[in-house]
Structures are given as C-alpha cells and as structure tokens.
Amino acid sequence: MPAWATCFGYRGKIDETAVMEEMSREESEHHSFHTFHGLLQRLSLPAVEASNANGNYNTAWETKDGIANHPISYLAESAFLGLSTAQIDSIRTITKMVAALPDEAVSPKNTNTRTLEGDIASLRHPAWDPVRAYAAEVVEILQPVAVRNDTYFKQFRS
C-alpha cells in the first residue's frame, strides 16, 4: 500500500457487505487540502466564532495540532491540487507561525480549555493575533484551490 494511502486512510463503500476501498492519490490529496483549509478558515475567525465553529472545546490545541502537524510536504508535492509556489510558501509560513505559538497561548495556566470560557480565553491570547491575521490572508491566497477542491467533491454528491 502506498504511504499516501495510509496517511489519509480509506474511504468506506457500503453495499451488501461493508467493504473498505483504498482512496486514490487524487482523492487523498483533496481530503488533505480540505482538512487543512478548514483549519485555516477556523483559525482566521475571531476567538468566539472560532470556538463556536469547533464546538467550544479545546479549539486552540486542536487548531495548533491540526495545522502544525499536517503533512505539508504532501500538499506541496501534490500532483492534483495545482498549488503555486506562492501558495506553498504561504502554507509553510502559516504552519511555522502556528508551530511557534507558545504553550501559554494554547493552554493558559489555571484555565480549563474544555469549557466555553477557557476555550475562548486561550484563543484570545495575544500570540494568536498575528497568526489569525495571516491565516485570513492564506485563506484568500488559497481561494482558487479551494474552489477546485469544492468542485472535486461536488462530483460525488450528484
């Protein structure tokens, strides 16, 4: 099995018995981008909106973990997404910015980030402000790819 298939798993296919079908590389790359772009969109929101979008639970940690640990080289080497050099550079930059966020911005001392108040408090840490602003720019930079990505998935909804 190719490494990229294990990275993003399998797509379930249900008929008379449950059968697991290996994803194509194209589908896997589109899922990877969709996940990453969704995290960027959430990151670009103000603290309360980001918390609400994530269900008011540990949003800072989940956002940092999802972006900082996303396989960026997989996106950069994509055969199907058509990312430009500028788009890849913006992805790498936001990933580095998110990875550099201090622990205090993700899990403030004496704050339960699994509560609404704690979740919002962590997202309001000043270290998030420049990251949030740049995430909004990256969402715009990636908009053409997001449109192609949405078109890819629409073909399966018909």
Protein backbone atom coordinates (compact mmCIF):
# COMPACT_ATOMS: atom_id res chain seq x y z
CA MET A 1 0.00 0.00 0.00
CA PRO A 2 1.41 3.44 -0.89
CA ALA A 3 2.45 5.68 2.02
CA TRP A 4 -0.02 8.40 0.97
CA ALA A 5 -2.91 5.95 1.32
CA THR A 6 -2.06 5.16 4.92
CA CYS A 7 -1.63 8.87 5.65
CA PHE A 8 -5.26 9.67 4.90
CA GLY A 9 -6.89 6.30 5.32
CA TYR A 10 -9.62 4.65 3.38
CA ARG A 11 -12.99 5.58 2.02
CA GLY A 12 -15.85 3.35 3.09
CA LYS A 13 -18.08 1.77 0.47
CA ILE A 14 -21.28 0.14 1.57
CA ASP A 15 -23.15 -2.41 -0.48
CA GLU A 16 -24.43 -5.74 0.84
CA THR A 17 -21.32 -6.06 2.98
CA ALA A 18 -19.07 -3.38 4.35
CA VAL A 19 -16.04 -3.11 2.08
CA MET A 20 -13.12 -0.78 2.51
CA GLU A 21 -11.82 0.75 -0.66
CA GLU A 22 -8.41 2.37 -0.93
CA MET A 23 -8.50 6.08 -1.78
CA SER A 24 -6.89 7.25 -4.95
CA ARG A 25 -3.99 9.65 -4.61
CA GLU A 26 -6.17 12.40 -6.10
CA GLU A 27 -8.92 11.86 -3.54
CA SER A 28 -6.40 11.69 -0.71
CA GLU A 29 -4.79 14.98 -1.76
CA HIS A 30 -8.19 16.66 -1.96
CA HIS A 31 -9.13 15.39 1.51
CA SER A 32 -5.81 16.61 2.87
CA PHE A 33 -6.32 20.08 1.41
CA HIS A 34 -9.96 20.20 2.57
CA THR A 35 -8.93 19.39 6.14
CA PHE A 36 -6.07 21.91 6.16
CA HIS A 37 -8.15 24.67 4.56
CA GLY A 38 -10.95 24.11 7.08
CA LEU A 39 -8.49 24.53 9.93
CA LEU A 40 -7.19 27.75 8.34
CA GLN A 41 -10.71 29.10 7.98
CA ARG A 42 -11.41 28.40 11.65
CA LEU A 43 -8.07 29.94 12.64
CA SER A 44 -8.87 33.11 10.72
CA LEU A 45 -12.06 33.71 12.75
CA PRO A 46 -12.27 35.88 15.87
CA ALA A 47 -11.90 33.90 19.11
CA VAL A 48 -15.61 33.48 19.92
CA GLU A 49 -16.51 32.49 16.37
CA ALA A 50 -13.62 30.03 16.18
CA SER A 51 -14.69 28.47 19.47
CA ASN A 52 -18.29 28.17 18.28
CA ALA A 53 -17.17 26.65 14.98
CA ASN A 54 -15.26 23.99 16.91
CA GLY A 55 -17.98 23.20 19.41
CA ASN A 56 -16.49 25.31 22.24
CA TYR A 57 -13.95 22.68 23.19
CA ASN A 58 -10.14 22.87 23.21
CA THR A 59 -10.08 24.85 19.95
CA ALA A 60 -6.62 26.35 20.39
CA TRP A 61 -4.95 22.98 20.91
CA GLU A 62 -6.89 21.26 18.12
CA THR A 63 -6.14 24.08 15.69
CA LYS A 64 -2.44 24.22 16.54
CA ASP A 65 -2.08 20.46 16.42
CA GLY A 66 -4.01 20.12 13.16
CA ILE A 67 -2.04 22.79 11.33
CA ALA A 68 1.42 22.30 12.84
CA ASN A 69 1.31 18.54 12.30
CA HIS A 70 -0.35 18.48 8.89
CA PRO A 71 1.86 16.80 6.29
CA ILE A 72 2.72 19.96 4.40
CA SER A 73 5.19 18.20 2.12
CA TYR A 74 2.27 16.05 0.96
CA LEU A 75 0.37 19.17 -0.12
CA ALA A 76 3.48 20.74 -1.64
CA GLU A 77 4.18 17.64 -3.73
CA SER A 78 0.56 17.25 -4.81
CA ALA A 79 0.00 16.09 -8.36
CA PHE A 80 -3.66 17.14 -8.38
CA LEU A 81 -4.12 20.35 -6.35
CA GLY A 82 -2.13 22.65 -8.63
CA LEU A 83 -0.64 24.74 -5.82
CA SER A 84 1.60 27.58 -6.96
CA THR A 85 4.95 28.31 -5.35
CA ALA A 86 3.43 31.36 -3.61
CA GLN A 87 0.60 29.22 -2.23
CA ILE A 88 3.01 26.58 -0.97
CA ASP A 89 5.17 29.28 0.62
CA SER A 90 2.14 30.75 2.40
CA ILE A 91 1.20 27.30 3.71
CA ARG A 92 4.72 26.74 5.01
CA THR A 93 4.78 30.19 6.64
CA ILE A 94 1.45 29.80 8.46
CA THR A 95 2.48 26.32 9.59
CA LYS A 96 5.69 27.70 11.11
CA MET A 97 3.80 30.55 12.77
CA VAL A 98 1.29 28.15 14.32
CA ALA A 99 4.01 25.73 15.45
CA ALA A 100 5.80 28.62 17.18
CA LEU A 101 2.79 29.59 19.32
CA PRO A 102 3.75 29.38 22.99
CA ASP A 103 2.14 26.78 25.25
CA GLU A 104 0.50 29.60 27.21
CA ALA A 105 -1.48 30.57 24.09
CA VAL A 106 -2.80 27.06 23.69
CA SER A 107 -3.33 26.04 27.27
CA PRO A 108 -3.19 29.03 29.65
CA LYS A 109 -2.31 28.27 33.26
CA ASN A 110 -5.26 27.76 35.58
CA THR A 111 -7.66 27.66 32.61
CA ASN A 112 -9.81 24.70 31.65
CA THR A 113 -9.84 24.87 27.85
CA ARG A 114 -12.55 22.22 27.77
CA THR A 115 -15.07 24.83 28.88
CA LEU A 116 -16.54 27.63 26.78
CA GLU A 117 -14.86 30.33 28.88
CA GLY A 118 -11.49 28.57 28.90
CA ASP A 119 -11.67 27.82 25.20
CA ILE A 120 -12.29 31.46 24.34
CA ALA A 121 -9.67 32.65 26.84
CA SER A 122 -6.98 30.56 25.16
CA LEU A 123 -7.95 31.89 21.72
CA ARG A 124 -7.78 35.47 22.98
CA HIS A 125 -4.12 35.17 23.92
CA PRO A 126 -2.28 37.97 22.07
CA ALA A 127 0.07 35.49 20.37
CA TRP A 128 -2.86 34.37 18.20
CA ASP A 129 -3.48 37.85 16.73
CA PRO A 130 -0.76 37.93 14.03
CA VAL A 131 -1.33 34.24 13.29
CA ARG A 132 -5.07 34.80 12.90
CA ALA A 133 -4.47 37.79 10.60
CA TYR A 134 -2.05 35.86 8.40
CA ALA A 135 -4.38 32.85 8.32
CA ALA A 136 -7.05 35.11 6.80
CA GLU A 137 -4.56 36.12 4.11
CA VAL A 138 -3.68 32.49 3.41
CA VAL A 139 -7.37 31.58 3.09
CA GLU A 140 -7.60 34.24 0.35
CA ILE A 141 -4.36 33.10 -1.30
CA LEU A 142 -5.72 29.54 -1.40
CA GLN A 143 -9.20 30.51 -2.64
CA PRO A 144 -8.65 29.29 -6.24
CA VAL A 145 -7.53 25.89 -4.92
CA ALA A 146 -10.49 25.81 -2.51
CA VAL A 147 -12.86 26.34 -5.43
CA ARG A 148 -11.26 23.47 -7.38
CA ASN A 149 -11.36 21.36 -4.22
CA ASP A 150 -15.08 22.05 -3.75
CA THR A 151 -15.72 21.22 -7.41
CA TYR A 152 -13.88 17.93 -6.97
CA PHE A 153 -16.14 16.89 -4.08
CA LYS A 154 -19.34 18.10 -5.76
CA GLN A 155 -18.93 15.46 -8.45
CA PHE A 156 -19.62 12.79 -5.83
CA ARG A 157 -22.77 14.49 -4.49
CA SER A 158 -24.75 14.22 -7.71
